[in-house]
Amino acid sequence: MATNKVMSGARGQLFIEGQLIGIFSDVSYGVDIDVAPAFVLGRFSPSELTVTGQEAISINATGWRIVGQGPYVSAGVPKLQDLLTADDITISLYDRETGQFIMTVVGCRSTGWNTTLNSKAQQTVTVRFLGLRLDDESGSQGESSNATPEF
């Protein structure tokens, strides 16, 4: 049986802390790399682009607001009284066709959520996360071996 090369929504399953979360219909994530242009006198354009860092990984997941399964229950969002002691979570996107995790973000924390309810529509919820590092099917994206250790 041939495996399709292009990922589609029906192939993807979202896991939070190893648990399949079935409410989400959309997930977006991305990596932003900080690049600073170096301008010198006598030029209109930069003479070099210097990589200065990588931002936290952003993840947004949108899905259905299930009664009794709000973001505090289903999506790993800590309650107000738990903010001080809440642990990081891991979010993964699994490809059912290949049997591989095509995205795993470690060190995630929810940065909030919002919901929309209107007449003649199902209620949706969007949960936002930031994570420390994204690994994909190409392998680990960890720091270089001579980086300053984590504290």
Protein backbone atom coordinates (compact mmCIF):
# COMPACT_ATOMS: atom_id res chain seq x y z
CA MET A 1 0.00 0.00 0.00
CA ALA A 2 1.40 3.40 -0.99
CA THR A 3 1.88 6.09 1.61
CA ASN A 4 0.79 9.59 0.63
CA LYS A 5 3.54 12.17 1.02
CA VAL A 6 1.32 15.17 1.79
CA MET A 7 -0.03 15.40 5.32
CA SER A 8 -3.78 15.89 5.66
CA GLY A 9 -6.06 16.62 8.59
CA ALA A 10 -7.59 13.15 8.67
CA ARG A 11 -4.14 11.68 9.28
CA GLY A 12 -3.30 13.93 12.25
CA GLN A 13 -4.02 13.32 15.90
CA LEU A 14 -3.09 15.79 18.65
CA PHE A 15 -1.70 14.50 21.93
CA ILE A 16 -1.21 16.52 25.12
CA GLU A 17 0.92 14.80 27.75
CA GLY A 18 0.59 11.53 25.83
CA GLN A 19 -3.22 11.63 25.85
CA LEU A 20 -5.14 11.81 22.57
CA ILE A 21 -7.24 14.99 22.56
CA GLY A 22 -10.23 14.62 20.24
CA ILE A 23 -11.79 18.09 20.39
CA PHE A 24 -9.44 19.97 18.09
CA SER A 25 -10.21 20.54 14.42
CA ASP A 26 -7.29 22.86 13.70
CA VAL A 27 -3.74 23.20 15.01
CA SER A 28 -1.11 25.66 13.89
CA TYR A 29 2.47 25.92 15.09
CA GLY A 30 5.63 27.65 14.05
CA VAL A 31 9.22 28.56 14.71
CA ASP A 32 10.49 32.14 14.59
CA ILE A 33 14.23 32.71 14.25
CA ASP A 34 15.63 36.11 15.27
CA VAL A 35 17.78 37.61 12.54
CA ALA A 36 19.36 41.07 12.88
CA PRO A 37 20.64 43.02 9.90
CA ALA A 38 24.05 44.68 10.28
CA PHE A 39 24.12 48.09 8.63
CA VAL A 40 27.39 49.92 8.00
CA LEU A 41 28.13 53.43 6.88
CA GLY A 42 28.32 53.85 3.13
CA ARG A 43 25.65 51.24 2.30
CA PHE A 44 21.90 51.38 1.87
CA SER A 45 21.50 47.64 2.41
CA PRO A 46 22.66 45.42 5.27
CA SER A 47 26.11 43.92 4.91
CA GLU A 48 25.21 40.81 6.90
CA LEU A 49 22.31 39.02 8.52
CA THR A 50 23.20 37.61 11.94
CA VAL A 51 21.17 34.92 13.68
CA THR A 52 20.69 36.09 17.27
CA GLY A 53 18.29 33.49 18.65
CA GLN A 54 15.08 31.53 18.34
CA GLU A 55 11.79 32.53 19.87
CA ALA A 56 9.60 30.18 21.88
CA ILE A 57 7.54 27.81 19.73
CA SER A 58 3.98 29.05 19.24
CA ILE A 59 1.06 26.62 19.06
CA ASN A 60 -2.62 27.42 18.59
CA ALA A 61 -5.25 24.69 18.73
CA THR A 62 -8.89 25.34 17.84
CA GLY A 63 -11.74 22.94 18.32
CA TRP A 64 -15.15 22.31 19.76
CA ARG A 65 -16.18 23.47 23.23
CA ILE A 66 -17.52 20.29 24.83
CA VAL A 67 -19.65 20.80 27.95
CA GLY A 68 -17.76 19.37 30.93
CA GLN A 69 -14.51 19.18 28.92
CA GLY A 70 -13.38 22.82 28.76
CA PRO A 71 -9.76 23.91 28.31
CA TYR A 72 -8.91 23.31 31.97
CA VAL A 73 -9.94 19.65 31.62
CA SER A 74 -9.09 18.73 28.04
CA ALA A 75 -6.23 20.99 26.95
CA GLY A 76 -3.80 21.18 29.85
CA VAL A 77 -4.60 24.79 30.78
CA PRO A 78 -3.83 25.32 34.49
CA LYS A 79 -6.50 26.85 36.72
CA LEU A 80 -5.76 30.19 38.39
CA GLN A 81 -5.06 28.56 41.75
CA ASP A 82 -2.59 26.15 40.09
CA LEU A 83 -0.47 28.66 38.14
CA LEU A 84 2.37 28.65 40.67
CA THR A 85 2.78 24.87 40.71
CA ALA A 86 1.75 23.91 37.16
CA ASP A 87 4.20 21.70 35.28
CA ASP A 88 5.29 22.07 31.66
CA ILE A 89 3.45 19.87 29.20
CA THR A 90 4.41 18.15 25.95
CA ILE A 91 2.28 18.54 22.82
CA SER A 92 2.65 16.14 19.89
CA LEU A 93 1.11 15.73 16.46
CA TYR A 94 0.89 12.11 15.31
CA ASP A 95 0.57 10.89 11.72
CA ARG A 96 -1.79 7.89 11.68
CA GLU A 97 -0.63 6.83 8.20
CA THR A 98 3.11 6.62 8.86
CA GLY A 99 2.92 5.91 12.58
CA GLN A 100 5.34 8.78 13.32
CA PHE A 101 5.15 11.84 15.50
CA ILE A 102 5.71 14.69 13.06
CA MET A 103 5.82 17.39 15.73
CA THR A 104 6.65 17.26 19.42
CA VAL A 105 7.01 20.46 21.41
CA VAL A 106 8.48 20.12 24.90
CA GLY A 107 8.35 22.57 27.77
CA CYS A 108 4.92 23.95 26.81
CA ARG A 109 2.81 26.28 28.88
CA SER A 110 -0.62 27.61 28.01
CA THR A 111 -0.70 31.36 27.46
CA GLY A 112 -4.47 31.51 27.43
CA TRP A 113 -7.64 30.61 25.61
CA ASN A 114 -10.72 32.18 24.10
CA THR A 115 -14.09 30.93 22.93
CA THR A 116 -16.79 31.99 20.52
CA LEU A 117 -20.48 31.23 20.73
CA ASN A 118 -23.06 32.54 18.29
CA SER A 119 -26.48 31.58 17.05
CA LYS A 120 -26.70 28.79 14.49
CA ALA A 121 -23.15 27.61 15.13
CA GLN A 122 -21.26 25.23 17.36
CA GLN A 123 -19.17 26.80 20.12
CA THR A 124 -15.43 26.77 19.44
CA VAL A 125 -12.43 27.24 21.71
CA THR A 126 -8.88 28.27 20.82
CA VAL A 127 -6.04 27.44 23.23
CA ARG A 128 -2.64 29.14 22.88
CA PHE A 129 0.67 27.65 24.00
CA LEU A 130 4.36 28.52 24.00
CA GLY A 131 6.99 25.80 24.06
CA LEU A 132 10.75 25.58 24.47
CA ARG A 133 11.75 23.26 21.63
CA LEU A 134 10.15 21.63 18.59
CA ASP A 135 11.32 18.24 17.35
CA ASP A 136 9.97 16.79 14.12
CA GLU A 137 10.45 13.71 12.00
CA SER A 138 13.89 14.98 10.96
CA GLY A 139 15.11 14.55 14.55
CA SER A 140 15.91 16.51 17.68
CA GLN A 141 16.24 20.28 17.46
CA GLY A 142 18.16 20.61 20.72
CA GLU A 143 20.87 23.14 21.43
CA SER A 144 24.44 22.52 20.29
CA SER A 145 26.70 20.49 22.57
CA ASN A 146 28.60 23.57 23.77
CA ALA A 147 25.52 25.63 24.68
CA THR A 148 25.03 26.99 28.19
CA PRO A 149 23.24 24.32 30.22
CA GLU A 150 19.60 24.77 31.21
CA PHE A 151 18.99 25.96 34.74
